[in-house]
N, C-alpha and C. Protein backbone atom coordinates (compact mmCIF):
# COMPACT_ATOMS: atom_id res chain seq x y z
N MET A 1 -21.03 105.31 -6.32
CA MET A 1 -22.59 105.13 -6.88
C MET A 1 -22.74 105.60 -8.14
N MET A 2 -23.59 105.41 -8.98
CA MET A 2 -23.79 105.86 -10.04
C MET A 2 -24.94 107.12 -9.93
N GLU A 3 -24.80 108.12 -10.47
CA GLU A 3 -25.70 109.32 -10.41
C GLU A 3 -26.58 109.55 -11.71
N ASP A 4 -27.69 109.92 -11.64
CA ASP A 4 -28.74 110.15 -12.69
C ASP A 4 -28.14 111.58 -13.50
N TYR A 5 -27.20 111.84 -13.72
CA TYR A 5 -26.51 113.10 -14.31
C TYR A 5 -25.58 112.79 -15.25
N CYS A 6 -25.65 113.60 -16.46
CA CYS A 6 -24.61 113.61 -17.37
C CYS A 6 -24.36 115.07 -17.70
N ALA A 7 -23.46 115.69 -17.83
CA ALA A 7 -23.06 116.99 -18.30
C ALA A 7 -23.13 116.96 -19.79
N PHE A 8 -22.99 115.70 -20.44
CA PHE A 8 -22.77 115.58 -21.83
C PHE A 8 -24.22 115.41 -22.59
N SER A 9 -25.40 115.03 -21.99
CA SER A 9 -26.36 115.03 -22.69
C SER A 9 -27.29 116.27 -22.62
N GLN A 10 -28.29 116.63 -23.42
CA GLN A 10 -29.07 117.74 -23.51
C GLN A 10 -29.86 117.86 -22.49
N ASP A 11 -30.65 116.93 -21.87
CA ASP A 11 -31.62 116.85 -20.81
C ASP A 11 -30.70 116.42 -19.48
N HIS A 12 -29.43 116.40 -19.44
CA HIS A 12 -28.33 115.85 -18.31
C HIS A 12 -28.89 114.62 -17.50
N LYS A 13 -29.57 113.91 -18.41
CA LYS A 13 -30.08 112.50 -17.70
C LYS A 13 -28.97 111.50 -18.35
N CYS A 14 -28.63 110.90 -17.54
CA CYS A 14 -27.72 109.71 -17.94
C CYS A 14 -28.47 108.41 -18.63
N PRO A 15 -27.81 108.37 -19.62
CA PRO A 15 -28.67 107.15 -20.49
C PRO A 15 -28.47 105.78 -20.07
N LYS A 16 -27.49 105.54 -19.28
CA LYS A 16 -27.42 103.99 -18.85
C LYS A 16 -27.92 104.06 -17.33
N TRP A 17 -28.66 105.09 -16.80
CA TRP A 17 -29.21 105.14 -15.50
C TRP A 17 -30.12 103.92 -15.46
N GLU A 18 -31.24 103.83 -16.43
CA GLU A 18 -32.03 102.85 -16.14
C GLU A 18 -31.60 101.34 -16.14
N ASP A 19 -30.69 101.21 -16.95
CA ASP A 19 -29.74 99.93 -16.96
C ASP A 19 -29.34 99.67 -15.70
N TYR A 20 -28.61 100.64 -15.06
CA TYR A 20 -27.97 100.59 -13.70
C TYR A 20 -28.96 100.17 -12.66
N MET A 21 -30.19 100.94 -12.66
CA MET A 21 -31.24 100.79 -11.87
C MET A 21 -31.89 99.32 -11.66
N LEU A 22 -31.96 98.87 -12.94
CA LEU A 22 -32.42 97.64 -13.42
C LEU A 22 -31.67 96.46 -12.70
N THR A 23 -30.17 96.55 -13.00
CA THR A 23 -29.23 95.57 -12.88
C THR A 23 -28.65 95.42 -11.50
N ARG A 24 -28.82 96.53 -10.76
CA ARG A 24 -28.08 96.67 -9.36
C ARG A 24 -28.44 95.63 -8.37
N HIS A 25 -29.81 95.27 -8.43
CA HIS A 25 -30.49 94.23 -7.61
C HIS A 25 -30.24 92.93 -8.02
N GLU A 26 -29.71 92.67 -9.21
CA GLU A 26 -29.43 91.20 -9.75
C GLU A 26 -28.60 90.32 -8.99
N PRO A 27 -27.42 90.73 -8.13
CA PRO A 27 -26.64 90.01 -7.53
C PRO A 27 -27.23 89.58 -6.20
N GLU A 28 -28.08 90.53 -5.55
CA GLU A 28 -28.81 90.04 -4.40
C GLU A 28 -29.94 89.07 -4.80
N GLU A 29 -30.52 89.25 -6.01
CA GLU A 29 -31.79 88.20 -6.18
C GLU A 29 -31.11 87.03 -6.70
N ALA A 30 -29.99 87.03 -7.15
CA ALA A 30 -29.35 85.80 -7.54
C ALA A 30 -28.96 84.94 -6.35
N ASP A 31 -28.17 85.80 -5.41
CA ASP A 31 -27.92 84.90 -4.14
C ASP A 31 -29.03 84.64 -3.19
N ARG A 32 -30.19 85.22 -3.45
CA ARG A 32 -31.52 84.47 -2.72
C ARG A 32 -31.83 83.49 -3.29
N LEU A 33 -31.96 83.40 -4.65
CA LEU A 33 -32.33 82.32 -5.51
C LEU A 33 -31.24 81.21 -5.19
N CYS A 34 -30.17 81.36 -5.31
CA CYS A 34 -29.20 80.31 -5.20
C CYS A 34 -29.27 79.67 -3.77
N HIS A 35 -29.41 80.42 -2.76
CA HIS A 35 -29.54 79.92 -1.49
C HIS A 35 -30.91 79.02 -1.21
N GLY A 36 -31.76 79.54 -1.77
CA GLY A 36 -33.20 78.76 -1.70
C GLY A 36 -33.17 77.50 -2.40
N ASN A 37 -32.20 77.51 -3.62
CA ASN A 37 -32.28 76.36 -4.49
C ASN A 37 -31.38 75.33 -3.64
N TRP A 38 -30.32 75.85 -2.88
CA TRP A 38 -29.46 74.91 -2.33
C TRP A 38 -30.19 74.17 -1.23
N ILE A 39 -30.92 74.91 -0.60
CA ILE A 39 -31.85 74.48 0.74
C ILE A 39 -32.71 73.12 0.06
N ALA A 40 -33.39 73.54 -0.91
CA ALA A 40 -34.01 72.57 -1.77
C ALA A 40 -33.27 71.26 -2.25
N ILE A 41 -32.17 71.44 -2.69
CA ILE A 41 -31.30 70.33 -3.06
C ILE A 41 -30.90 69.70 -1.79
N GLN A 42 -30.55 70.45 -0.76
CA GLN A 42 -30.15 69.42 0.51
C GLN A 42 -31.31 68.52 0.90
N ARG A 43 -32.33 69.16 0.78
CA ARG A 43 -33.62 68.18 1.27
C ARG A 43 -33.70 66.88 0.32
N LEU A 44 -33.69 67.21 -0.77
CA LEU A 44 -33.80 66.21 -1.92
C LEU A 44 -32.81 65.19 -1.69
N TYR A 45 -31.48 65.63 -1.45
CA TYR A 45 -30.55 64.42 -1.03
C TYR A 45 -30.91 63.75 0.18
N GLU A 46 -31.42 64.45 1.24
CA GLU A 46 -31.64 63.94 2.55
C GLU A 46 -32.79 62.99 2.11
N TYR A 47 -33.68 63.14 1.39
CA TYR A 47 -34.97 62.32 1.01
C TYR A 47 -34.30 61.10 0.18
N ILE A 48 -33.38 61.47 -0.88
CA ILE A 48 -32.82 60.29 -1.65
C ILE A 48 -32.26 59.43 -0.57
N ASP A 49 -31.35 59.79 0.39
CA ASP A 49 -30.64 58.99 1.34
C ASP A 49 -31.70 58.05 2.27
N GLU A 50 -32.65 58.78 2.39
CA GLU A 50 -33.83 57.95 3.39
C GLU A 50 -34.21 56.89 2.54
N LEU A 51 -34.62 56.99 1.23
CA LEU A 51 -35.11 56.27 0.32
C LEU A 51 -34.08 55.17 0.14
N ARG A 52 -32.77 55.29 -0.13
CA ARG A 52 -31.55 54.32 -0.26
C ARG A 52 -31.74 53.55 0.97
N SER A 53 -31.84 54.00 2.07
CA SER A 53 -31.69 53.39 3.22
C SER A 53 -32.96 52.16 3.32
N ILE A 54 -34.12 52.77 2.85
CA ILE A 54 -35.24 51.73 2.95
C ILE A 54 -35.15 50.70 2.23
N LEU A 55 -34.63 50.83 1.02
CA LEU A 55 -34.27 49.97 -0.04
C LEU A 55 -33.23 48.88 0.37
N GLN A 56 -32.24 49.23 1.21
CA GLN A 56 -31.02 48.65 1.61
C GLN A 56 -31.48 47.59 2.68
N LYS A 57 -32.39 48.23 3.54
CA LYS A 57 -33.02 47.40 4.62
C LYS A 57 -33.80 46.33 4.28
N ASN A 58 -34.75 46.36 3.07
CA ASN A 58 -35.47 45.36 2.52
C ASN A 58 -34.72 44.61 1.63
N ASN A 59 -33.41 44.77 1.26
CA ASN A 59 -32.66 44.15 0.60
C ASN A 59 -33.23 44.05 -1.21
N ILE A 60 -33.56 45.48 -1.34
CA ILE A 60 -33.85 45.84 -2.79
C ILE A 60 -32.93 46.42 -3.40
N ASP A 61 -32.80 45.84 -4.79
CA ASP A 61 -31.72 46.30 -5.66
C ASP A 61 -32.31 47.57 -6.13
N TYR A 62 -31.21 48.62 -6.27
CA TYR A 62 -31.40 49.82 -7.01
C TYR A 62 -30.31 50.32 -7.86
N PRO A 63 -30.46 50.89 -9.00
CA PRO A 63 -29.24 51.25 -9.79
C PRO A 63 -28.39 52.45 -9.02
N ASN A 64 -27.09 52.16 -9.09
CA ASN A 64 -26.12 53.11 -8.53
C ASN A 64 -25.94 54.23 -9.84
N ILE A 65 -25.91 55.29 -9.44
CA ILE A 65 -25.45 56.49 -10.36
C ILE A 65 -24.43 57.22 -10.01
């Protein structure tokens, strides 16, 4: 793990520390967002399948994509 110490700077603060602190949570956040998006997509696919079923039962044409 990175530390907020640099022997080569005057105040011994790591110049990349803030960047590190800001970006270290991005993979976790991306994973949560992707998972949430995938759940929403799955629900939409289920909804589309249900609508297709209703259209087919009533002999209503619909465009195939």
